[in-house]
């Protein structure tokens, strides 16, 4: 899972850099390499989108896992402190 997350992060960063190029220089590297409206361009955009969705899932899963850990610690802390 960690390898998948690292690959997704790299792909998402590359996609973000492409959008930076579009915003600052009005230059789309993906369409410059694969051409506008081609299958290759569509595949690149789909892969970047899937990588972004994976990172969103990963971040939510980590937040839920962290929340459950902190709740377990709080419950344990309060339970152990209330015993006489």
N, C-alpha and C. Protein backbone atom coordinates (compact mmCIF):
# COMPACT_ATOMS: atom_id res chain seq x y z
N UNK A 1 0.82 -1.19 0.00
CA UNK A 1 0.00 0.00 0.00
C UNK A 1 0.86 1.26 0.00
N UNK A 2 2.00 1.21 0.66
CA UNK A 2 2.86 2.38 0.71
C UNK A 2 3.46 2.67 -0.67
N UNK A 3 3.79 1.62 -1.43
CA UNK A 3 4.33 1.83 -2.77
C UNK A 3 3.29 2.49 -3.67
N UNK A 4 2.05 2.01 -3.58
CA UNK A 4 0.96 2.59 -4.35
C UNK A 4 0.77 4.06 -3.99
N UNK A 5 0.86 4.38 -2.72
CA UNK A 5 0.67 5.76 -2.28
C UNK A 5 1.81 6.65 -2.76
N UNK A 6 3.02 6.15 -2.73
CA UNK A 6 4.17 6.93 -3.23
C UNK A 6 4.04 7.18 -4.72
N UNK A 7 3.67 6.15 -5.47
CA UNK A 7 3.48 6.31 -6.92
C UNK A 7 2.36 7.31 -7.20
N UNK A 8 1.26 7.20 -6.45
CA UNK A 8 0.14 8.13 -6.63
C UNK A 8 0.56 9.55 -6.30
N UNK A 9 1.38 9.73 -5.27
CA UNK A 9 1.85 11.06 -4.91
C UNK A 9 2.73 11.65 -6.03
N UNK A 10 3.61 10.85 -6.58
CA UNK A 10 4.48 11.31 -7.67
C UNK A 10 3.65 11.71 -8.88
N UNK A 11 2.69 10.87 -9.25
CA UNK A 11 1.83 11.18 -10.41
C UNK A 11 1.02 12.44 -10.16
N UNK A 12 0.49 12.59 -8.95
CA UNK A 12 -0.31 13.76 -8.63
C UNK A 12 0.54 15.03 -8.65
N UNK A 13 1.76 14.95 -8.15
CA UNK A 13 2.66 16.11 -8.18
C UNK A 13 2.99 16.50 -9.61
N UNK A 14 3.25 15.51 -10.45
CA UNK A 14 3.52 15.80 -11.87
C UNK A 14 2.30 16.46 -12.51
N UNK A 15 1.10 15.96 -12.20
CA UNK A 15 -0.12 16.58 -12.71
C UNK A 15 -0.29 18.00 -12.22
N UNK A 16 0.05 18.24 -10.95
CA UNK A 16 -0.04 19.59 -10.40
C UNK A 16 0.96 20.53 -11.08
N UNK A 17 2.15 20.02 -11.36
CA UNK A 17 3.14 20.84 -12.08
C UNK A 17 2.66 21.18 -13.48
N UNK A 18 1.97 20.24 -14.12
CA UNK A 18 1.41 20.54 -15.44
C UNK A 18 0.39 21.66 -15.35
N UNK A 19 -0.47 21.61 -14.31
CA UNK A 19 -1.45 22.69 -14.14
C UNK A 19 -0.78 24.01 -13.81
N UNK A 20 0.34 23.97 -13.11
CA UNK A 20 1.11 25.19 -12.87
C UNK A 20 1.59 25.77 -14.19
N UNK A 21 2.08 24.92 -15.07
CA UNK A 21 2.51 25.38 -16.39
C UNK A 21 1.34 26.00 -17.17
N UNK A 22 0.18 25.36 -17.07
CA UNK A 22 -1.01 25.89 -17.77
C UNK A 22 -1.38 27.25 -17.21
N UNK A 23 -1.39 27.38 -15.89
CA UNK A 23 -1.81 28.63 -15.27
C UNK A 23 -0.83 29.77 -15.47
N UNK A 24 0.45 29.49 -15.38
CA UNK A 24 1.46 30.55 -15.45
C UNK A 24 1.86 30.87 -16.88
N UNK A 25 2.09 29.85 -17.69
CA UNK A 25 2.64 30.05 -19.03
C UNK A 25 1.66 29.71 -20.16
N UNK A 26 0.43 29.29 -19.81
CA UNK A 26 -0.55 28.87 -20.80
C UNK A 26 0.04 27.79 -21.72
N UNK A 27 0.77 26.84 -21.09
CA UNK A 27 1.42 25.76 -21.81
C UNK A 27 1.04 24.44 -21.15
N UNK A 28 0.41 23.55 -21.91
CA UNK A 28 0.01 22.25 -21.40
C UNK A 28 1.01 21.21 -21.91
N UNK A 29 1.83 20.70 -21.01
CA UNK A 29 2.87 19.74 -21.37
C UNK A 29 2.27 18.44 -21.89
N UNK A 30 1.16 18.01 -21.32
CA UNK A 30 0.53 16.75 -21.74
C UNK A 30 0.09 16.84 -23.20
N UNK A 31 -0.58 17.93 -23.56
CA UNK A 31 -1.02 18.06 -24.96
C UNK A 31 0.17 18.33 -25.88
N UNK A 32 1.23 18.92 -25.37
CA UNK A 32 2.43 19.11 -26.19
C UNK A 32 3.08 17.77 -26.52
N UNK A 33 3.03 16.84 -25.58
CA UNK A 33 3.65 15.52 -25.80
C UNK A 33 2.73 14.59 -26.58
N UNK A 34 1.45 14.52 -26.17
CA UNK A 34 0.53 13.53 -26.75
C UNK A 34 -0.42 14.10 -27.79
N UNK A 35 -0.55 15.41 -27.86
CA UNK A 35 -1.49 16.03 -28.79
C UNK A 35 -2.83 16.29 -28.11
N UNK A 36 -3.54 17.27 -28.60
CA UNK A 36 -4.83 17.64 -28.01
C UNK A 36 -5.90 16.62 -28.40
N UNK A 37 -6.64 16.15 -27.41
CA UNK A 37 -7.77 15.27 -27.65
C UNK A 37 -7.41 13.86 -28.09
N UNK A 38 -6.19 13.42 -27.85
CA UNK A 38 -5.81 12.07 -28.26
C UNK A 38 -6.08 11.07 -27.13
N UNK A 39 -5.98 9.81 -27.47
CA UNK A 39 -6.17 8.75 -26.49
C UNK A 39 -5.07 8.84 -25.42
N UNK A 40 -3.85 9.13 -25.82
CA UNK A 40 -2.74 9.25 -24.87
C UNK A 40 -2.99 10.35 -23.85
N UNK A 41 -3.49 11.49 -24.31
CA UNK A 41 -3.82 12.59 -23.40
C UNK A 41 -4.90 12.17 -22.42
N UNK A 42 -5.92 11.51 -22.93
CA UNK A 42 -7.01 11.05 -22.06
C UNK A 42 -6.50 10.06 -21.01
N UNK A 43 -5.63 9.15 -21.42
CA UNK A 43 -5.09 8.17 -20.47
C UNK A 43 -4.29 8.87 -19.37
N UNK A 44 -3.47 9.85 -19.76
CA UNK A 44 -2.69 10.58 -18.75
C UNK A 44 -3.62 11.27 -17.77
N UNK A 45 -4.64 11.95 -18.26
CA UNK A 45 -5.57 12.65 -17.37
C UNK A 45 -6.32 11.67 -16.46
N UNK A 46 -6.70 10.52 -16.99
CA UNK A 46 -7.39 9.50 -16.19
C UNK A 46 -6.47 8.96 -15.10
N UNK A 47 -5.22 8.68 -15.44
CA UNK A 47 -4.26 8.16 -14.46
C UNK A 47 -4.01 9.19 -13.35
N UNK A 48 -3.87 10.46 -13.72
CA UNK A 48 -3.67 11.52 -12.72
C UNK A 48 -4.91 11.63 -11.82
N UNK A 49 -6.10 11.53 -12.41
CA UNK A 49 -7.32 11.58 -11.62
C UNK A 49 -7.45 10.42 -10.66
N UNK A 50 -7.11 9.22 -11.12
CA UNK A 50 -7.15 8.04 -10.24
C UNK A 50 -6.13 8.18 -9.12
N UNK A 51 -4.95 8.71 -9.44
CA UNK A 51 -3.93 8.92 -8.40
C UNK A 51 -4.44 9.91 -7.36
N UNK A 52 -5.10 10.96 -7.80
CA UNK A 52 -5.67 11.93 -6.87
C UNK A 52 -6.75 11.31 -5.99
N UNK A 53 -7.60 10.48 -6.57
CA UNK A 53 -8.63 9.80 -5.78
C UNK A 53 -8.01 8.85 -4.77
N UNK A 54 -6.94 8.15 -5.18
CA UNK A 54 -6.26 7.26 -4.25
C UNK A 54 -5.72 8.04 -3.06
N UNK A 55 -5.08 9.20 -3.32
CA UNK A 55 -4.54 10.01 -2.23
C UNK A 55 -5.64 10.53 -1.32
N UNK A 56 -6.78 10.89 -1.90
CA UNK A 56 -7.92 11.33 -1.10
C UNK A 56 -8.38 10.20 -0.18
N UNK A 57 -8.52 9.00 -0.73
CA UNK A 57 -8.89 7.82 0.07
C UNK A 57 -7.87 7.58 1.17
N UNK A 58 -6.59 7.65 0.82
CA UNK A 58 -5.52 7.39 1.77
C UNK A 58 -5.55 8.41 2.92
N UNK A 59 -5.72 9.68 2.58
CA UNK A 59 -5.76 10.71 3.62
C UNK A 59 -6.96 10.53 4.55
N UNK A 60 -8.11 10.20 3.99
CA UNK A 60 -9.30 9.96 4.82
C UNK A 60 -9.09 8.73 5.71
N UNK A 61 -8.53 7.67 5.13
CA UNK A 61 -8.29 6.45 5.91
C UNK A 61 -7.30 6.72 7.05
N UNK A 62 -6.27 7.51 6.79
CA UNK A 62 -5.31 7.84 7.83
C UNK A 62 -5.95 8.71 8.92
N UNK A 63 -6.80 9.63 8.53
CA UNK A 63 -7.48 10.49 9.51
C UNK A 63 -8.40 9.66 10.40
N UNK A 64 -9.13 8.73 9.80
CA UNK A 64 -10.03 7.87 10.58
C UNK A 64 -9.22 6.98 11.51
N UNK A 65 -8.13 6.43 11.00
CA UNK A 65 -7.28 5.56 11.81
C UNK A 65 -6.67 6.35 12.98
N UNK A 66 -6.21 7.57 12.72
CA UNK A 66 -5.64 8.40 13.77
C UNK A 66 -6.70 8.77 14.80
N UNK A 67 -7.92 9.06 14.33
CA UNK A 67 -9.00 9.41 15.24
C UNK A 67 -9.35 8.24 16.14
N UNK A 68 -9.40 7.04 15.58
CA UNK A 68 -9.72 5.86 16.40
C UNK A 68 -8.61 5.57 17.40
N UNK A 69 -7.36 5.81 17.01
CA UNK A 69 -6.25 5.61 17.94
C UNK A 69 -6.32 6.61 19.09
N UNK A 70 -6.60 7.87 18.77
CA UNK A 70 -6.66 8.87 19.83
C UNK A 70 -7.85 8.62 20.75
N UNK A 71 -8.97 8.13 20.20
CA UNK A 71 -10.12 7.81 21.04
C UNK A 71 -9.80 6.63 21.96
N UNK A 72 -9.11 5.63 21.43
CA UNK A 72 -8.72 4.49 22.27
C UNK A 72 -7.81 4.95 23.39
N UNK A 73 -6.86 5.83 23.08
CA UNK A 73 -5.94 6.32 24.10
C UNK A 73 -6.69 7.14 25.15
N UNK A 74 -7.61 8.00 24.69
CA UNK A 74 -8.39 8.81 25.64
C UNK A 74 -9.24 7.92 26.53
N UNK A 75 -9.91 6.94 25.94
CA UNK A 75 -10.73 6.03 26.74
C UNK A 75 -9.88 5.27 27.74
N UNK A 76 -8.74 4.79 27.31
CA UNK A 76 -7.85 4.07 28.21
C UNK A 76 -7.34 5.01 29.32
N UNK A 77 -6.98 6.22 28.95
CA UNK A 77 -6.46 7.20 29.91
C UNK A 77 -7.51 7.53 30.95
N UNK A 78 -8.74 7.79 30.51
CA UNK A 78 -9.81 8.14 31.46
C UNK A 78 -10.21 6.94 32.31
N UNK A 79 -10.24 5.75 31.70
CA UNK A 79 -10.62 4.55 32.45
C UNK A 79 -9.59 4.23 33.53
N UNK A 80 -8.32 4.34 33.19
CA UNK A 80 -7.30 4.00 34.17
C UNK A 80 -7.22 5.04 35.28
N UNK A 81 -7.56 6.28 34.95
CA UNK A 81 -7.51 7.33 35.96
C UNK A 81 -8.69 7.31 36.89
N UNK A 82 -9.80 6.70 36.50
CA UNK A 82 -11.00 6.72 37.32
C UNK A 82 -11.04 5.57 38.32
N UNK A 83 -10.15 4.59 38.17
CA UNK A 83 -10.16 3.45 39.08
C UNK A 83 -9.51 3.84 40.41
N UNK A 84 -10.09 3.32 41.48
CA UNK A 84 -9.56 3.62 42.82
C UNK A 84 -9.00 2.37 43.43
